[in-house]
Amino acid sequence: MTTGYALGGVAVGNLDSAISWYARLLGRQPDLQPVKEVAEWEFSGGGWIQHLKFAGNNCGNSPETAAFSR
């Protein structure tokens, strides 16, 4: 089975801090911010990482999405 798409998501309490940290790590600002609670970076080899602003007990949970093709 070949992976056609992968998205990794991380719930964070402070999105501004997460954007700052990942911008330093990846050397660039997010590629997309479709809504104020979300920041996304696309990787040239395929896939995305997404940060979602959540309060409370959701922080640190990691939703994942993968689509496969044959």
N, C-alpha and C. Protein backbone atom coordinates (compact mmCIF):
# COMPACT_ATOMS: atom_id res chain seq x y z
N MET A 1 0.84 -1.17 0.00
CA MET A 1 0.00 0.00 0.00
C MET A 1 0.89 1.24 0.00
N THR A 2 0.56 2.22 -0.83
CA THR A 2 1.33 3.44 -0.94
C THR A 2 0.60 4.59 -0.25
N THR A 3 1.32 5.34 0.55
CA THR A 3 0.71 6.51 1.19
C THR A 3 0.56 7.61 0.16
N GLY A 4 -0.66 8.10 0.02
CA GLY A 4 -0.91 9.18 -0.92
C GLY A 4 -0.97 10.53 -0.25
N TYR A 5 -1.24 10.56 1.04
CA TYR A 5 -1.40 11.83 1.75
C TYR A 5 -1.30 11.56 3.24
N ALA A 6 -0.65 12.43 3.95
CA ALA A 6 -0.58 12.31 5.41
C ALA A 6 -0.66 13.69 6.03
N LEU A 7 -1.41 13.79 7.11
CA LEU A 7 -1.54 15.03 7.86
C LEU A 7 -1.33 14.73 9.33
N GLY A 8 -0.38 15.41 9.94
CA GLY A 8 -0.17 15.28 11.37
C GLY A 8 -0.66 16.54 12.05
N GLY A 9 -1.46 16.39 13.08
CA GLY A 9 -1.99 17.54 13.79
C GLY A 9 -1.62 17.50 15.26
N VAL A 10 -1.41 18.67 15.85
CA VAL A 10 -1.08 18.76 17.26
C VAL A 10 -1.95 19.84 17.89
N ALA A 11 -2.66 19.48 18.94
CA ALA A 11 -3.45 20.46 19.70
C ALA A 11 -2.51 21.22 20.63
N VAL A 12 -2.58 22.55 20.60
CA VAL A 12 -1.70 23.38 21.43
C VAL A 12 -2.54 24.40 22.20
N GLY A 13 -2.04 24.83 23.33
CA GLY A 13 -2.73 25.84 24.12
C GLY A 13 -2.39 27.25 23.66
N ASN A 14 -1.18 27.45 23.14
CA ASN A 14 -0.75 28.76 22.70
C ASN A 14 -0.28 28.66 21.26
N LEU A 15 -1.14 29.01 20.33
CA LEU A 15 -0.82 28.86 18.91
C LEU A 15 0.31 29.80 18.49
N ASP A 16 0.34 31.01 19.03
CA ASP A 16 1.42 31.94 18.67
C ASP A 16 2.79 31.37 19.02
N SER A 17 2.90 30.75 20.19
CA SER A 17 4.18 30.13 20.59
C SER A 17 4.52 28.96 19.68
N ALA A 18 3.53 28.15 19.32
CA ALA A 18 3.77 27.01 18.43
C ALA A 18 4.21 27.49 17.05
N ILE A 19 3.57 28.53 16.53
CA ILE A 19 3.97 29.08 15.22
C ILE A 19 5.41 29.58 15.28
N SER A 20 5.75 30.29 16.34
CA SER A 20 7.11 30.81 16.48
C SER A 20 8.14 29.68 16.53
N TRP A 21 7.86 28.63 17.31
CA TRP A 21 8.79 27.51 17.44
C TRP A 21 8.95 26.77 16.10
N TYR A 22 7.84 26.45 15.45
CA TYR A 22 7.94 25.72 14.18
C TYR A 22 8.50 26.58 13.06
N ALA A 23 8.26 27.88 13.09
CA ALA A 23 8.86 28.76 12.09
C ALA A 23 10.38 28.74 12.21
N ARG A 24 10.89 28.72 13.45
CA ARG A 24 12.35 28.61 13.64
C ARG A 24 12.85 27.24 13.18
N LEU A 25 12.12 26.19 13.54
CA LEU A 25 12.53 24.82 13.18
C LEU A 25 12.55 24.63 11.67
N LEU A 26 11.48 25.08 10.99
CA LEU A 26 11.34 24.84 9.55
C LEU A 26 11.90 25.98 8.69
N GLY A 27 12.24 27.10 9.30
CA GLY A 27 12.83 28.21 8.56
C GLY A 27 11.82 29.02 7.77
N ARG A 28 10.54 28.94 8.15
CA ARG A 28 9.51 29.71 7.43
C ARG A 28 8.22 29.74 8.24
N GLN A 29 7.42 30.72 7.94
CA GLN A 29 6.10 30.86 8.56
C GLN A 29 5.15 29.81 7.98
N PRO A 30 3.99 29.62 8.59
CA PRO A 30 3.03 28.63 8.07
C PRO A 30 2.64 28.93 6.62
N ASP A 31 2.37 27.88 5.87
CA ASP A 31 1.91 28.03 4.50
C ASP A 31 0.45 28.48 4.46
N LEU A 32 -0.31 28.04 5.44
CA LEU A 32 -1.73 28.40 5.50
C LEU A 32 -2.14 28.68 6.94
N GLN A 33 -3.06 29.60 7.08
CA GLN A 33 -3.79 29.80 8.34
C GLN A 33 -5.25 30.01 7.94
N PRO A 34 -5.95 28.89 7.64
CA PRO A 34 -7.30 28.99 7.11
C PRO A 34 -8.30 29.63 8.06
N VAL A 35 -8.07 29.49 9.35
CA VAL A 35 -8.85 30.17 10.39
C VAL A 35 -7.87 30.56 11.48
N LYS A 36 -8.28 31.47 12.37
CA LYS A 36 -7.32 31.99 13.35
C LYS A 36 -6.82 30.96 14.35
N GLU A 37 -7.50 29.83 14.48
CA GLU A 37 -7.09 28.79 15.43
C GLU A 37 -6.24 27.69 14.81
N VAL A 38 -5.83 27.86 13.54
CA VAL A 38 -5.11 26.79 12.83
C VAL A 38 -3.92 27.36 12.06
N ALA A 39 -2.79 26.67 12.12
CA ALA A 39 -1.61 27.00 11.31
C ALA A 39 -1.12 25.71 10.66
N GLU A 40 -0.78 25.77 9.36
CA GLU A 40 -0.39 24.57 8.62
C GLU A 40 0.87 24.80 7.80
N TRP A 41 1.75 23.81 7.82
CA TRP A 41 2.95 23.81 6.99
C TRP A 41 2.88 22.63 6.04
N GLU A 42 3.17 22.87 4.77
CA GLU A 42 3.20 21.80 3.76
C GLU A 42 4.64 21.39 3.52
N PHE A 43 4.86 20.10 3.35
CA PHE A 43 6.19 19.58 3.05
C PHE A 43 6.31 19.25 1.58
N SER A 44 7.43 19.60 0.97
CA SER A 44 7.61 19.43 -0.46
C SER A 44 7.53 17.98 -0.91
N GLY A 45 7.87 17.04 -0.03
CA GLY A 45 7.80 15.63 -0.38
C GLY A 45 6.42 15.04 -0.17
N GLY A 46 5.48 15.84 0.28
CA GLY A 46 4.12 15.38 0.55
C GLY A 46 3.80 15.44 2.03
N GLY A 47 2.60 15.79 2.34
CA GLY A 47 2.13 15.82 3.72
C GLY A 47 2.14 17.21 4.33
N TRP A 48 1.49 17.29 5.45
CA TRP A 48 1.32 18.55 6.19
C TRP A 48 1.47 18.31 7.67
N ILE A 49 1.81 19.36 8.41
CA ILE A 49 1.67 19.36 9.85
C ILE A 49 0.74 20.53 10.19
N GLN A 50 -0.18 20.27 11.08
CA GLN A 50 -1.21 21.24 11.42
C GLN A 50 -1.23 21.45 12.93
N HIS A 51 -1.28 22.71 13.34
CA HIS A 51 -1.41 23.05 14.76
C HIS A 51 -2.78 23.66 14.98
N LEU A 52 -3.47 23.15 15.99
CA LEU A 52 -4.83 23.57 16.29
C LEU A 52 -4.86 24.14 17.70
N LYS A 53 -5.41 25.33 17.86
CA LYS A 53 -5.49 25.94 19.19
C LYS A 53 -6.65 25.33 19.96
N PHE A 54 -6.34 24.70 21.09
CA PHE A 54 -7.33 24.11 21.98
C PHE A 54 -7.00 24.53 23.40
N ALA A 55 -8.01 24.67 24.18
CA ALA A 55 -7.82 24.94 25.61
C ALA A 55 -8.12 23.68 26.40
N GLY A 56 -7.63 23.64 27.61
CA GLY A 56 -7.98 22.54 28.50
C GLY A 56 -7.26 21.25 28.22
N ASN A 57 -7.96 20.14 28.40
CA ASN A 57 -7.36 18.81 28.36
C ASN A 57 -7.03 18.31 26.96
N ASN A 58 -7.40 19.01 25.92
CA ASN A 58 -7.08 18.56 24.56
C ASN A 58 -5.63 18.78 24.18
N CYS A 59 -4.94 19.68 24.86
CA CYS A 59 -3.56 20.00 24.50
C CYS A 59 -2.68 18.76 24.54
N GLY A 60 -1.88 18.59 23.51
CA GLY A 60 -0.98 17.44 23.43
C GLY A 60 -1.57 16.26 22.70
N ASN A 61 -2.88 16.25 22.48
CA ASN A 61 -3.49 15.19 21.67
C ASN A 61 -3.09 15.40 20.21
N SER A 62 -2.99 14.34 19.47
CA SER A 62 -2.50 14.46 18.09
C SER A 62 -3.44 13.77 17.11
N PRO A 63 -4.36 14.51 16.51
CA PRO A 63 -5.19 13.89 15.48
C PRO A 63 -4.34 13.60 14.25
N GLU A 64 -4.57 12.49 13.61
CA GLU A 64 -3.82 12.11 12.42
C GLU A 64 -4.78 11.73 11.29
N THR A 65 -4.41 12.06 10.08
CA THR A 65 -5.20 11.69 8.91
C THR A 65 -4.25 11.07 7.88
N ALA A 66 -4.64 9.97 7.31
CA ALA A 66 -3.85 9.36 6.23
C ALA A 66 -4.79 8.83 5.17
N ALA A 67 -4.46 9.06 3.93
CA ALA A 67 -5.23 8.50 2.82
C ALA A 67 -4.30 7.59 2.03
N PHE A 68 -4.78 6.46 1.60
CA PHE A 68 -3.94 5.48 0.91
C PHE A 68 -4.50 5.16 -0.46
N SER A 69 -3.62 4.87 -1.39
CA SER A 69 -4.04 4.43 -2.72
C SER A 69 -3.27 3.18 -3.09
N ARG A 70 -3.81 2.42 -4.00
CA ARG A 70 -3.15 1.19 -4.43
C ARG A 70 -2.39 1.39 -5.70
